[in-house]
Amino acid sequence: MGIERELKLALAPSQHDDVARFFDERTGAGKPIELANVYFDTPDCALAKAKSALRLRRTPEQWLQTYKTLGKSVAGLSNRQEWELPVEGEALEFEALLDACDDAAAHEALERAAPDVIALFKTDFRRLVWDIEREGSQIEVALDLGEITADVDGETRRAEISELELELKSGEESALSMLAAELRGAFPELVPEDLSKAQRGYLLREPSEKNRNA
């Protein structure tokens, strides 16, 4: 099990080039990655009710399955339990994931849901990645631009992805706050984003006129 410590900031798509230039000038050109993700749950969203999320991700190198608790997010800073494993192809491997999951409540939720999970929504986005050092701490910076899609009752609903993720790889959480403060000084329009992509995907499926027009 890993603990994901991440600070998420929302930004307008028009700001992406400026933010990318901010990091390029300090650390060199960011690494571009195309990511496609499918999120799974039971029809009655048992995993979401258990405050967890199940994802299958295609990266340029491999397929990965990830199971994580949603945790708590305050002012964009979140702490989550996470279990991530490679898989052979475009299919979940529940036995391996259950073996890796060492949290009793999360394990029970996944074991109960496994026979009934279906694909609920997708996230597809282009990511630029930089590795940053602040005060001896290592931070991965990811700039994402893309969309969330969910097919509901014969229609495709969409929501924009436009965000900056600062993930602490090692060191102190205060390094995330320091980097975020530096960024907000350069880009005052950046605002904390407390909803994960998974949470936004679930909201997209809810029956409301707002979602229908998204």
N, C-alpha and C. Protein backbone atom coordinates (compact mmCIF):
# COMPACT_ATOMS: atom_id res chain seq x y z
N MET A 1 0.84 -1.20 0.00
CA MET A 1 0.00 0.00 0.00
C MET A 1 0.87 1.24 0.00
N GLY A 2 0.44 2.24 -0.76
CA GLY A 2 1.08 3.53 -0.72
C GLY A 2 0.09 4.58 -0.25
N ILE A 3 0.60 5.67 0.30
CA ILE A 3 -0.24 6.80 0.66
C ILE A 3 0.03 7.90 -0.36
N GLU A 4 -1.01 8.25 -1.10
CA GLU A 4 -0.88 9.30 -2.11
C GLU A 4 -1.13 10.65 -1.45
N ARG A 5 -0.13 11.53 -1.49
CA ARG A 5 -0.27 12.88 -0.96
C ARG A 5 -0.19 13.84 -2.13
N GLU A 6 -1.28 14.52 -2.38
CA GLU A 6 -1.39 15.28 -3.62
C GLU A 6 -2.14 16.58 -3.39
N LEU A 7 -1.70 17.61 -4.05
CA LEU A 7 -2.41 18.89 -4.03
C LEU A 7 -2.84 19.20 -5.46
N LYS A 8 -4.13 19.46 -5.61
CA LYS A 8 -4.71 19.65 -6.94
C LYS A 8 -5.19 21.10 -7.10
N LEU A 9 -4.86 21.70 -8.23
CA LEU A 9 -5.27 23.07 -8.54
C LEU A 9 -5.98 23.09 -9.89
N ALA A 10 -7.09 23.79 -9.95
CA ALA A 10 -7.82 23.94 -11.21
C ALA A 10 -7.34 25.19 -11.93
N LEU A 11 -7.35 25.12 -13.26
CA LEU A 11 -6.95 26.28 -14.06
C LEU A 11 -7.71 26.29 -15.37
N ALA A 12 -7.77 27.45 -15.99
CA ALA A 12 -8.42 27.57 -17.29
C ALA A 12 -7.53 26.95 -18.36
N PRO A 13 -8.11 26.29 -19.38
CA PRO A 13 -7.29 25.72 -20.46
C PRO A 13 -6.37 26.75 -21.11
N SER A 14 -6.79 28.00 -21.15
CA SER A 14 -5.97 29.05 -21.77
C SER A 14 -4.68 29.30 -21.00
N GLN A 15 -4.59 28.82 -19.76
CA GLN A 15 -3.39 29.03 -18.94
C GLN A 15 -2.35 27.92 -19.11
N HIS A 16 -2.68 26.86 -19.80
CA HIS A 16 -1.79 25.70 -19.84
C HIS A 16 -0.42 26.04 -20.42
N ASP A 17 -0.39 26.79 -21.50
CA ASP A 17 0.91 27.11 -22.11
C ASP A 17 1.78 27.93 -21.16
N ASP A 18 1.17 28.86 -20.44
CA ASP A 18 1.94 29.70 -19.52
C ASP A 18 2.46 28.88 -18.34
N VAL A 19 1.63 27.98 -17.81
CA VAL A 19 2.07 27.15 -16.69
C VAL A 19 3.16 26.19 -17.15
N ALA A 20 3.00 25.62 -18.34
CA ALA A 20 4.03 24.72 -18.87
C ALA A 20 5.36 25.47 -19.04
N ARG A 21 5.29 26.70 -19.51
CA ARG A 21 6.51 27.50 -19.69
C ARG A 21 7.16 27.78 -18.34
N PHE A 22 6.35 28.01 -17.31
CA PHE A 22 6.85 28.27 -15.96
C PHE A 22 7.76 27.13 -15.50
N PHE A 23 7.33 25.88 -15.71
CA PHE A 23 8.13 24.73 -15.28
C PHE A 23 9.25 24.41 -16.27
N ASP A 24 8.99 24.58 -17.57
CA ASP A 24 10.03 24.31 -18.56
C ASP A 24 11.27 25.17 -18.30
N GLU A 25 11.05 26.43 -17.95
CA GLU A 25 12.16 27.35 -17.74
C GLU A 25 12.96 27.01 -16.49
N ARG A 26 12.37 26.28 -15.55
CA ARG A 26 13.04 25.97 -14.30
C ARG A 26 13.64 24.57 -14.25
N THR A 27 13.01 23.63 -14.98
CA THR A 27 13.48 22.24 -14.87
C THR A 27 13.70 21.56 -16.22
N GLY A 28 13.46 22.24 -17.30
CA GLY A 28 13.54 21.60 -18.61
C GLY A 28 12.16 21.18 -19.09
N ALA A 29 12.08 20.76 -20.34
CA ALA A 29 10.79 20.45 -20.96
C ALA A 29 10.09 19.31 -20.23
N GLY A 30 8.79 19.47 -20.03
CA GLY A 30 7.99 18.42 -19.41
C GLY A 30 7.82 17.22 -20.32
N LYS A 31 7.62 16.07 -19.71
CA LYS A 31 7.43 14.83 -20.46
C LYS A 31 5.95 14.67 -20.79
N PRO A 32 5.60 14.60 -22.09
CA PRO A 32 4.19 14.43 -22.46
C PRO A 32 3.76 12.96 -22.39
N ILE A 33 2.58 12.71 -21.85
CA ILE A 33 2.03 11.36 -21.74
C ILE A 33 0.55 11.41 -22.09
N GLU A 34 0.10 10.47 -22.93
CA GLU A 34 -1.32 10.33 -23.22
C GLU A 34 -1.89 9.24 -22.31
N LEU A 35 -2.93 9.56 -21.55
CA LEU A 35 -3.50 8.62 -20.59
C LEU A 35 -4.98 8.40 -20.88
N ALA A 36 -5.37 7.13 -20.90
CA ALA A 36 -6.77 6.75 -21.06
C ALA A 36 -7.16 5.88 -19.88
N ASN A 37 -8.26 6.22 -19.24
CA ASN A 37 -8.67 5.55 -18.01
C ASN A 37 -10.14 5.15 -18.07
N VAL A 38 -10.42 3.99 -17.49
CA VAL A 38 -11.80 3.53 -17.32
C VAL A 38 -12.03 3.31 -15.83
N TYR A 39 -13.11 3.87 -15.29
CA TYR A 39 -13.45 3.70 -13.89
C TYR A 39 -14.60 2.71 -13.76
N PHE A 40 -14.51 1.85 -12.76
CA PHE A 40 -15.47 0.76 -12.57
C PHE A 40 -16.15 0.87 -11.22
N ASP A 41 -17.38 0.37 -11.19
CA ASP A 41 -18.13 0.25 -9.94
C ASP A 41 -19.32 -0.67 -10.22
N THR A 42 -20.05 -1.00 -9.20
CA THR A 42 -21.27 -1.77 -9.38
C THR A 42 -22.37 -0.82 -9.87
N PRO A 43 -23.47 -1.36 -10.43
CA PRO A 43 -24.56 -0.48 -10.88
C PRO A 43 -25.11 0.42 -9.79
N ASP A 44 -25.05 -0.04 -8.54
CA ASP A 44 -25.55 0.81 -7.45
C ASP A 44 -24.42 1.56 -6.73
N CYS A 45 -23.24 1.60 -7.38
CA CYS A 45 -22.09 2.39 -6.90
C CYS A 45 -21.64 1.99 -5.49
N ALA A 46 -21.48 0.68 -5.27
CA ALA A 46 -21.08 0.19 -3.96
C ALA A 46 -19.70 0.69 -3.57
N LEU A 47 -18.77 0.77 -4.53
CA LEU A 47 -17.43 1.24 -4.20
C LEU A 47 -17.43 2.72 -3.81
N ALA A 48 -18.18 3.51 -4.55
CA ALA A 48 -18.27 4.93 -4.20
C ALA A 48 -18.87 5.11 -2.80
N LYS A 49 -19.87 4.30 -2.47
CA LYS A 49 -20.46 4.38 -1.15
C LYS A 49 -19.46 3.98 -0.06
N ALA A 50 -18.51 3.12 -0.44
CA ALA A 50 -17.44 2.72 0.49
C ALA A 50 -16.26 3.69 0.43
N LYS A 51 -16.45 4.81 -0.26
CA LYS A 51 -15.42 5.85 -0.38
C LYS A 51 -14.13 5.31 -0.99
N SER A 52 -14.29 4.61 -2.12
CA SER A 52 -13.14 4.07 -2.83
C SER A 52 -13.39 4.19 -4.33
N ALA A 53 -12.34 3.95 -5.11
CA ALA A 53 -12.44 4.07 -6.57
C ALA A 53 -11.56 3.00 -7.21
N LEU A 54 -12.02 2.48 -8.34
CA LEU A 54 -11.32 1.42 -9.05
C LEU A 54 -11.11 1.86 -10.50
N ARG A 55 -9.85 1.80 -10.94
CA ARG A 55 -9.50 2.37 -12.25
C ARG A 55 -8.59 1.42 -13.03
N LEU A 56 -8.80 1.39 -14.34
CA LEU A 56 -7.89 0.72 -15.26
C LEU A 56 -7.30 1.79 -16.17
N ARG A 57 -5.97 1.86 -16.24
CA ARG A 57 -5.31 2.94 -16.98
C ARG A 57 -4.38 2.38 -18.07
N ARG A 58 -4.47 2.96 -19.26
CA ARG A 58 -3.52 2.65 -20.31
C ARG A 58 -2.49 3.75 -20.38
N THR A 59 -1.22 3.39 -20.19
CA THR A 59 -0.11 4.32 -20.35
C THR A 59 0.64 3.93 -21.62
N PRO A 60 1.61 4.74 -22.05
CA PRO A 60 2.38 4.35 -23.23
C PRO A 60 3.13 3.03 -23.05
N GLU A 61 3.44 2.65 -21.80
CA GLU A 61 4.25 1.46 -21.55
C GLU A 61 3.43 0.23 -21.19
N GLN A 62 2.27 0.41 -20.50
CA GLN A 62 1.57 -0.75 -19.97
C GLN A 62 0.17 -0.38 -19.52
N TRP A 63 -0.58 -1.43 -19.12
CA TRP A 63 -1.87 -1.24 -18.46
C TRP A 63 -1.65 -1.34 -16.95
N LEU A 64 -2.35 -0.51 -16.19
CA LEU A 64 -2.26 -0.51 -14.74
C LEU A 64 -3.67 -0.54 -14.15
N GLN A 65 -3.84 -1.31 -13.08
CA GLN A 65 -5.09 -1.24 -12.33
C GLN A 65 -4.78 -0.57 -10.99
N THR A 66 -5.68 0.31 -10.58
CA THR A 66 -5.48 1.08 -9.36
C THR A 66 -6.75 1.06 -8.53
N TYR A 67 -6.59 0.79 -7.26
CA TYR A 67 -7.68 0.83 -6.30
C TYR A 67 -7.25 1.81 -5.21
N LYS A 68 -8.10 2.78 -4.92
CA LYS A 68 -7.71 3.78 -3.92
C LYS A 68 -8.92 4.20 -3.10
N THR A 69 -8.64 4.61 -1.87
CA THR A 69 -9.67 5.22 -1.06
C THR A 69 -9.75 6.70 -1.45
N LEU A 70 -10.95 7.27 -1.37
CA LEU A 70 -11.10 8.66 -1.77
C LEU A 70 -10.50 9.60 -0.74
N GLY A 71 -10.41 9.17 0.52
CA GLY A 71 -9.77 9.99 1.53
C GLY A 71 -10.47 11.33 1.72
N LYS A 72 -9.70 12.29 2.18
CA LYS A 72 -10.22 13.63 2.42
C LYS A 72 -9.39 14.64 1.65
N SER A 73 -10.04 15.69 1.19
CA SER A 73 -9.33 16.76 0.51
C SER A 73 -9.75 18.09 1.11
N VAL A 74 -8.76 18.86 1.54
CA VAL A 74 -9.00 20.18 2.13
C VAL A 74 -8.12 21.18 1.40
N ALA A 75 -8.76 22.20 0.81
CA ALA A 75 -8.04 23.22 0.06
C ALA A 75 -7.15 22.59 -1.02
N GLY A 76 -7.66 21.50 -1.63
CA GLY A 76 -6.95 20.86 -2.72
C GLY A 76 -5.94 19.82 -2.30
N LEU A 77 -5.60 19.73 -0.99
CA LEU A 77 -4.60 18.77 -0.51
C LEU A 77 -5.30 17.51 -0.05
N SER A 78 -4.93 16.37 -0.65
CA SER A 78 -5.57 15.11 -0.31
C SER A 78 -4.55 14.06 0.11
N ASN A 79 -5.01 13.15 0.96
CA ASN A 79 -4.22 12.00 1.39
C ASN A 79 -5.08 10.76 1.17
N ARG A 80 -4.59 9.83 0.35
CA ARG A 80 -5.37 8.65 0.00
C ARG A 80 -4.51 7.39 0.09
N GLN A 81 -5.14 6.28 0.47
CA GLN A 81 -4.50 4.99 0.33
C GLN A 81 -4.62 4.55 -1.13
N GLU A 82 -3.58 3.89 -1.63
CA GLU A 82 -3.59 3.51 -3.05
C GLU A 82 -2.84 2.20 -3.25
N TRP A 83 -3.44 1.33 -4.08
CA TRP A 83 -2.80 0.07 -4.48
C TRP A 83 -2.79 0.03 -6.01
N GLU A 84 -1.63 -0.07 -6.60
CA GLU A 84 -1.51 -0.04 -8.06
C GLU A 84 -0.65 -1.19 -8.55
N LEU A 85 -1.15 -1.92 -9.56
CA LEU A 85 -0.47 -3.09 -10.08
C LEU A 85 -0.56 -3.12 -11.60
N PRO A 86 0.47 -3.60 -12.29
CA PRO A 86 0.36 -3.80 -13.74
C PRO A 86 -0.54 -4.99 -14.05
N VAL A 87 -1.21 -4.94 -15.20
CA VAL A 87 -2.02 -6.06 -15.67
C VAL A 87 -1.62 -6.38 -17.10
N GLU A 88 -2.01 -7.56 -17.57
CA GLU A 88 -1.58 -8.03 -18.89
C GLU A 88 -2.21 -7.25 -20.03
N GLY A 89 -3.45 -6.81 -19.84
CA GLY A 89 -4.14 -6.13 -20.93
C GLY A 89 -5.31 -5.33 -20.40
N GLU A 90 -6.30 -5.14 -21.25
CA GLU A 90 -7.44 -4.28 -20.92
C GLU A 90 -8.48 -5.04 -20.10
N ALA A 91 -8.06 -5.51 -18.92
CA ALA A 91 -8.97 -6.24 -18.04
C ALA A 91 -8.45 -6.18 -16.62
N LEU A 92 -9.39 -6.08 -15.69
CA LEU A 92 -9.02 -6.06 -14.28
C LEU A 92 -8.62 -7.46 -13.82
N GLU A 93 -7.68 -7.52 -12.88
CA GLU A 93 -7.24 -8.78 -12.27
C GLU A 93 -7.49 -8.68 -10.77
N PHE A 94 -8.69 -9.11 -10.37
CA PHE A 94 -9.14 -8.86 -9.00
C PHE A 94 -8.32 -9.61 -7.95
N GLU A 95 -7.94 -10.84 -8.25
CA GLU A 95 -7.22 -11.62 -7.25
C GLU A 95 -5.92 -10.93 -6.84
N ALA A 96 -5.18 -10.44 -7.82
CA ALA A 96 -3.91 -9.76 -7.52
C ALA A 96 -4.17 -8.49 -6.73
N LEU A 97 -5.23 -7.77 -7.07
CA LEU A 97 -5.53 -6.52 -6.37
C LEU A 97 -5.98 -6.80 -4.94
N LEU A 98 -6.77 -7.84 -4.75
CA LEU A 98 -7.20 -8.20 -3.40
C LEU A 98 -6.02 -8.65 -2.55
N ASP A 99 -5.09 -9.37 -3.17
CA ASP A 99 -3.90 -9.80 -2.43
C ASP A 99 -3.07 -8.60 -1.98
N ALA A 100 -3.03 -7.56 -2.81
CA ALA A 100 -2.22 -6.38 -2.49
C ALA A 100 -2.89 -5.47 -1.48
N CYS A 101 -4.21 -5.46 -1.45
CA CYS A 101 -4.96 -4.53 -0.59
C CYS A 101 -4.87 -4.99 0.86
N ASP A 102 -4.17 -4.24 1.69
CA ASP A 102 -3.94 -4.64 3.07
C ASP A 102 -4.74 -3.82 4.08
N ASP A 103 -5.75 -3.10 3.61
CA ASP A 103 -6.66 -2.39 4.50
C ASP A 103 -7.96 -3.20 4.58
N ALA A 104 -8.37 -3.59 5.77
CA ALA A 104 -9.49 -4.51 5.94
C ALA A 104 -10.78 -3.99 5.32
N ALA A 105 -11.12 -2.73 5.58
CA ALA A 105 -12.38 -2.18 5.08
C ALA A 105 -12.35 -2.07 3.56
N ALA A 106 -11.25 -1.59 3.02
CA ALA A 106 -11.13 -1.46 1.57
C ALA A 106 -11.16 -2.83 0.89
N HIS A 107 -10.49 -3.80 1.49
CA HIS A 107 -10.46 -5.17 0.95
C HIS A 107 -11.87 -5.75 0.91
N GLU A 108 -12.61 -5.59 1.99
CA GLU A 108 -13.97 -6.13 2.05
C GLU A 108 -14.87 -5.48 1.00
N ALA A 109 -14.74 -4.16 0.84
CA ALA A 109 -15.57 -3.45 -0.15
C ALA A 109 -15.28 -3.96 -1.57
N LEU A 110 -14.01 -4.13 -1.89
CA LEU A 110 -13.65 -4.59 -3.23
C LEU A 110 -14.08 -6.03 -3.46
N GLU A 111 -13.91 -6.89 -2.46
CA GLU A 111 -14.28 -8.30 -2.59
C GLU A 111 -15.78 -8.45 -2.83
N ARG A 112 -16.58 -7.66 -2.12
CA ARG A 112 -18.03 -7.72 -2.30
C ARG A 112 -18.45 -7.20 -3.67
N ALA A 113 -17.78 -6.16 -4.13
CA ALA A 113 -18.19 -5.52 -5.39
C ALA A 113 -17.72 -6.28 -6.63
N ALA A 114 -16.61 -7.01 -6.51
CA ALA A 114 -15.93 -7.59 -7.67
C ALA A 114 -16.85 -8.33 -8.66
N PRO A 115 -17.78 -9.18 -8.21
CA PRO A 115 -18.58 -9.92 -9.19
C PRO A 115 -19.50 -9.05 -10.04
N ASP A 116 -19.77 -7.83 -9.61
CA ASP A 116 -20.80 -7.01 -10.27
C ASP A 116 -20.27 -5.74 -10.90
N VAL A 117 -18.96 -5.52 -10.92
CA VAL A 117 -18.47 -4.23 -11.42
C VAL A 117 -18.66 -4.11 -12.93
N ILE A 118 -18.95 -2.90 -13.35
CA ILE A 118 -19.08 -2.54 -14.76
C ILE A 118 -18.33 -1.24 -15.00
N ALA A 119 -18.05 -0.92 -16.25
CA ALA A 119 -17.42 0.35 -16.59
C ALA A 119 -18.46 1.46 -16.48
N LEU A 120 -18.13 2.53 -15.75
CA LEU A 120 -19.09 3.62 -15.54
C LEU A 120 -18.75 4.88 -16.34
N PHE A 121 -17.47 5.24 -16.39
CA PHE A 121 -17.09 6.45 -17.11
C PHE A 121 -15.61 6.38 -17.47
N LYS A 122 -15.19 7.30 -18.34
CA LYS A 122 -13.81 7.33 -18.81
C LYS A 122 -13.21 8.71 -18.60
N THR A 123 -11.90 8.75 -18.41
CA THR A 123 -11.17 10.01 -18.45
C THR A 123 -10.03 9.85 -19.45
N ASP A 124 -9.94 10.79 -20.35
CA ASP A 124 -8.88 10.78 -21.37
C ASP A 124 -8.23 12.16 -21.36
N PHE A 125 -6.90 12.18 -21.19
CA PHE A 125 -6.25 13.48 -21.13
C PHE A 125 -4.78 13.37 -21.50
N ARG A 126 -4.24 14.53 -21.88
CA ARG A 126 -2.81 14.65 -22.14
C ARG A 126 -2.16 15.23 -20.89
N ARG A 127 -1.08 14.61 -20.44
CA ARG A 127 -0.39 15.02 -19.23
C ARG A 127 1.03 15.45 -19.56
N LEU A 128 1.46 16.57 -18.98
CA LEU A 128 2.86 16.97 -19.00
C LEU A 128 3.41 16.79 -17.59
N VAL A 129 4.58 16.16 -17.47
CA VAL A 129 5.13 15.81 -16.17
C VAL A 129 6.50 16.43 -15.98
N TRP A 130 6.71 17.01 -14.79
CA TRP A 130 8.02 17.52 -14.37
C TRP A 130 8.34 16.96 -12.99
N ASP A 131 9.61 16.71 -12.73
CA ASP A 131 10.07 16.33 -11.39
C ASP A 131 10.77 17.52 -10.76
N ILE A 132 10.24 17.93 -9.59
CA ILE A 132 10.69 19.15 -8.93
C ILE A 132 11.27 18.80 -7.56
N GLU A 133 12.29 19.53 -7.13
CA GLU A 133 12.81 19.39 -5.78
C GLU A 133 12.58 20.70 -5.03
N ARG A 134 12.01 20.59 -3.84
CA ARG A 134 11.81 21.75 -2.98
C ARG A 134 12.23 21.37 -1.55
N GLU A 135 13.24 22.07 -1.02
CA GLU A 135 13.67 21.87 0.36
C GLU A 135 13.94 20.39 0.66
N GLY A 136 14.56 19.70 -0.28
CA GLY A 136 14.88 18.30 -0.07
C GLY A 136 13.76 17.33 -0.34
N SER A 137 12.59 17.84 -0.70
CA SER A 137 11.44 16.99 -1.01
C SER A 137 11.29 16.85 -2.53
N GLN A 138 10.85 15.66 -2.95
CA GLN A 138 10.65 15.40 -4.37
C GLN A 138 9.16 15.48 -4.69
N ILE A 139 8.85 16.27 -5.71
CA ILE A 139 7.45 16.49 -6.11
C ILE A 139 7.31 16.20 -7.60
N GLU A 140 6.28 15.44 -7.94
CA GLU A 140 5.93 15.24 -9.34
C GLU A 140 4.82 16.22 -9.70
N VAL A 141 5.05 17.02 -10.71
CA VAL A 141 4.07 17.99 -11.19
C VAL A 141 3.44 17.45 -12.46
N ALA A 142 2.12 17.40 -12.50
CA ALA A 142 1.40 16.90 -13.68
C ALA A 142 0.37 17.93 -14.11
N LEU A 143 0.46 18.36 -15.36
CA LEU A 143 -0.46 19.31 -15.94
C LEU A 143 -1.37 18.56 -16.91
N ASP A 144 -2.68 18.49 -16.59
CA ASP A 144 -3.62 17.64 -17.33
C ASP A 144 -4.64 18.47 -18.11
N LEU A 145 -4.90 18.03 -19.34
CA LEU A 145 -5.92 18.66 -20.17
C LEU A 145 -6.65 17.58 -20.96
N GLY A 146 -7.96 17.50 -20.78
CA GLY A 146 -8.72 16.48 -21.49
C GLY A 146 -10.18 16.52 -21.08
N GLU A 147 -10.82 15.33 -20.98
CA GLU A 147 -12.23 15.31 -20.63
C GLU A 147 -12.63 14.00 -19.96
N ILE A 148 -13.74 14.09 -19.24
CA ILE A 148 -14.41 12.94 -18.64
C ILE A 148 -15.65 12.67 -19.48
N THR A 149 -15.93 11.41 -19.79
CA THR A 149 -17.14 11.08 -20.55
C THR A 149 -17.87 9.94 -19.86
N ALA A 150 -19.19 10.02 -19.88
CA ALA A 150 -20.03 8.98 -19.31
C ALA A 150 -21.24 8.78 -20.22
N ASP A 151 -21.53 7.54 -20.57
CA ASP A 151 -22.71 7.23 -21.36
C ASP A 151 -23.85 6.89 -20.42
N VAL A 152 -24.89 7.71 -20.46
CA VAL A 152 -26.02 7.56 -19.56
C VAL A 152 -27.31 7.62 -20.37
N ASP A 153 -28.08 6.54 -20.34
CA ASP A 153 -29.38 6.50 -21.02
C ASP A 153 -29.29 6.93 -22.48
N GLY A 154 -28.27 6.45 -23.16
CA GLY A 154 -28.16 6.71 -24.59
C GLY A 154 -27.52 8.03 -24.95
N GLU A 155 -27.11 8.82 -23.99
CA GLU A 155 -26.43 10.08 -24.30
C GLU A 155 -25.03 10.08 -23.68
N THR A 156 -24.13 10.81 -24.31
CA THR A 156 -22.77 10.94 -23.80
C THR A 156 -22.63 12.29 -23.10
N ARG A 157 -22.34 12.25 -21.83
CA ARG A 157 -22.13 13.46 -21.05
C ARG A 157 -20.63 13.72 -20.93
N ARG A 158 -20.24 14.97 -20.92
CA ARG A 158 -18.83 15.34 -20.91
C ARG A 158 -18.54 16.42 -19.87
N ALA A 159 -17.36 16.34 -19.32
CA ALA A 159 -16.87 17.39 -18.41
C ALA A 159 -15.39 17.60 -18.70
N GLU A 160 -14.97 18.83 -18.64
CA GLU A 160 -13.60 19.20 -18.96
C GLU A 160 -12.64 18.84 -17.83
N ILE A 161 -11.45 18.38 -18.20
CA ILE A 161 -10.34 18.21 -17.26
C ILE A 161 -9.32 19.30 -17.56
N SER A 162 -9.04 20.13 -16.59
CA SER A 162 -8.03 21.17 -16.73
C SER A 162 -7.48 21.44 -15.34
N GLU A 163 -6.37 20.78 -15.00
CA GLU A 163 -5.90 20.87 -13.63
C GLU A 163 -4.40 20.61 -13.53
N LEU A 164 -3.87 21.02 -12.41
CA LEU A 164 -2.45 20.85 -12.10
C LEU A 164 -2.37 20.04 -10.82
N GLU A 165 -1.66 18.91 -10.87
CA GLU A 165 -1.50 18.05 -9.71
C GLU A 165 -0.07 18.10 -9.22
N LEU A 166 0.10 18.31 -7.93
CA LEU A 166 1.41 18.30 -7.28
C LEU A 166 1.42 17.12 -6.33
N GLU A 167 2.17 16.06 -6.67
CA GLU A 167 2.18 14.85 -5.85
C GLU A 167 3.52 14.71 -5.13
N LEU A 168 3.45 14.56 -3.82
CA LEU A 168 4.65 14.40 -3.01
C LEU A 168 5.18 12.97 -3.15
N LYS A 169 6.38 12.82 -3.70
CA LYS A 169 6.99 11.51 -3.85
C LYS A 169 7.84 11.14 -2.64
N SER A 170 8.47 12.13 -2.04
CA SER A 170 9.23 11.91 -0.80
C SER A 170 9.44 13.26 -0.12
N GLY A 171 9.56 13.23 1.20
CA GLY A 171 9.80 14.47 1.93
C GLY A 171 8.59 14.94 2.71
N GLU A 172 8.53 16.24 2.96
CA GLU A 172 7.53 16.84 3.83
C GLU A 172 6.39 17.46 3.03
N GLU A 173 5.16 17.33 3.60
CA GLU A 173 3.98 17.90 2.93
C GLU A 173 4.10 19.41 2.76
N SER A 174 4.85 20.06 3.65
CA SER A 174 4.99 21.51 3.57
C SER A 174 5.59 21.93 2.23
N ALA A 175 6.34 21.03 1.58
CA ALA A 175 6.92 21.36 0.28
C ALA A 175 5.83 21.56 -0.76
N LEU A 176 4.74 20.80 -0.66
CA LEU A 176 3.62 20.99 -1.59
C LEU A 176 3.02 22.38 -1.42
N SER A 177 2.81 22.78 -0.17
CA SER A 177 2.22 24.09 0.09
C SER A 177 3.13 25.21 -0.40
N MET A 178 4.43 25.03 -0.23
CA MET A 178 5.38 26.04 -0.68
C MET A 178 5.33 26.21 -2.20
N LEU A 179 5.32 25.08 -2.91
CA LEU A 179 5.27 25.15 -4.37
C LEU A 179 3.94 25.72 -4.83
N ALA A 180 2.84 25.33 -4.17
CA ALA A 180 1.53 25.86 -4.53
C ALA A 180 1.47 27.37 -4.33
N ALA A 181 2.05 27.86 -3.23
CA ALA A 181 2.07 29.30 -2.97
C ALA A 181 2.87 30.02 -4.05
N GLU A 182 3.98 29.43 -4.45
CA GLU A 182 4.79 30.03 -5.52
C GLU A 182 3.99 30.11 -6.82
N LEU A 183 3.25 29.05 -7.10
CA LEU A 183 2.45 29.03 -8.33
C LEU A 183 1.33 30.05 -8.28
N ARG A 184 0.65 30.12 -7.13
CA ARG A 184 -0.46 31.08 -7.04
C ARG A 184 0.05 32.52 -7.08
N GLY A 185 1.31 32.73 -6.66
CA GLY A 185 1.89 34.05 -6.81
C GLY A 185 2.09 34.42 -8.26
N ALA A 186 2.47 33.42 -9.07
CA ALA A 186 2.68 33.66 -10.50
C ALA A 186 1.37 33.61 -11.29
N PHE A 187 0.42 32.79 -10.80
CA PHE A 187 -0.86 32.62 -11.50
C PHE A 187 -1.99 32.72 -10.48
N PRO A 188 -2.43 33.95 -10.17
CA PRO A 188 -3.45 34.14 -9.13
C PRO A 188 -4.77 33.43 -9.42
N GLU A 189 -5.01 33.08 -10.68
CA GLU A 189 -6.28 32.45 -11.05
C GLU A 189 -6.35 30.99 -10.63
N LEU A 190 -5.22 30.37 -10.29
CA LEU A 190 -5.24 28.98 -9.85
C LEU A 190 -6.05 28.85 -8.56
N VAL A 191 -6.91 27.84 -8.49
CA VAL A 191 -7.74 27.64 -7.30
C VAL A 191 -7.67 26.17 -6.88
N PRO A 192 -7.75 25.89 -5.57
CA PRO A 192 -7.75 24.50 -5.11
C PRO A 192 -8.93 23.73 -5.69
N GLU A 193 -8.71 22.46 -6.03
CA GLU A 193 -9.75 21.57 -6.54
C GLU A 193 -9.84 20.38 -5.59
N ASP A 194 -10.95 20.26 -4.87
CA ASP A 194 -11.10 19.20 -3.88
C ASP A 194 -11.72 17.93 -4.44
N LEU A 195 -12.26 17.98 -5.66
CA LEU A 195 -12.87 16.80 -6.25
C LEU A 195 -11.86 16.06 -7.12
N SER A 196 -11.75 14.75 -6.93
CA SER A 196 -10.91 13.93 -7.79
C SER A 196 -11.59 13.74 -9.14
N LYS A 197 -10.86 13.22 -10.11
CA LYS A 197 -11.46 12.91 -11.41
C LYS A 197 -12.55 11.86 -11.24
N ALA A 198 -12.34 10.91 -10.33
CA ALA A 198 -13.35 9.89 -10.09
C ALA A 198 -14.63 10.51 -9.53
N GLN A 199 -14.50 11.38 -8.55
CA GLN A 199 -15.69 12.02 -7.98
C GLN A 199 -16.43 12.84 -9.03
N ARG A 200 -15.70 13.51 -9.90
CA ARG A 200 -16.35 14.29 -10.97
C ARG A 200 -17.03 13.36 -11.96
N GLY A 201 -16.46 12.18 -12.20
CA GLY A 201 -17.11 11.22 -13.08
C GLY A 201 -18.43 10.73 -12.53
N TYR A 202 -18.46 10.44 -11.24
CA TYR A 202 -19.72 10.03 -10.62
C TYR A 202 -20.76 11.14 -10.70
N LEU A 203 -20.35 12.38 -10.45
CA LEU A 203 -21.29 13.50 -10.54
C LEU A 203 -21.85 13.65 -11.94
N LEU A 204 -21.03 13.32 -12.93
CA LEU A 204 -21.47 13.44 -14.32
C LEU A 204 -22.61 12.48 -14.62
N ARG A 205 -22.68 11.39 -13.91
CA ARG A 205 -23.71 10.38 -14.15
C ARG A 205 -25.02 10.71 -13.44
N GLU A 206 -25.01 11.67 -12.54
CA GLU A 206 -26.22 11.97 -11.80
C GLU A 206 -27.27 12.60 -12.70
N PRO A 207 -28.55 12.27 -12.51
CA PRO A 207 -29.61 12.81 -13.36
C PRO A 207 -29.95 14.25 -13.00
N SER A 208 -29.37 15.18 -13.75
CA SER A 208 -29.67 16.59 -13.52
C SER A 208 -29.54 17.35 -14.83
N GLU A 209 -30.24 18.44 -14.93
CA GLU A 209 -30.16 19.26 -16.14
C GLU A 209 -28.78 19.83 -16.31
N LYS A 210 -28.09 20.10 -15.20
CA LYS A 210 -26.74 20.63 -15.28
C LYS A 210 -25.83 19.64 -16.01
N ASN A 211 -25.93 18.36 -15.65
CA ASN A 211 -25.11 17.35 -16.30
C ASN A 211 -25.50 17.16 -17.74
N ARG A 212 -26.80 17.21 -18.02
CA ARG A 212 -27.25 17.00 -19.38
C ARG A 212 -26.71 18.06 -20.32
N ASN A 213 -26.45 19.22 -19.79
CA ASN A 213 -25.97 20.31 -20.63
C ASN A 213 -24.46 20.51 -20.53
N ALA A 214 -23.78 19.66 -19.79
CA ALA A 214 -22.33 19.81 -19.60
C ALA A 214 -21.56 19.58 -20.89
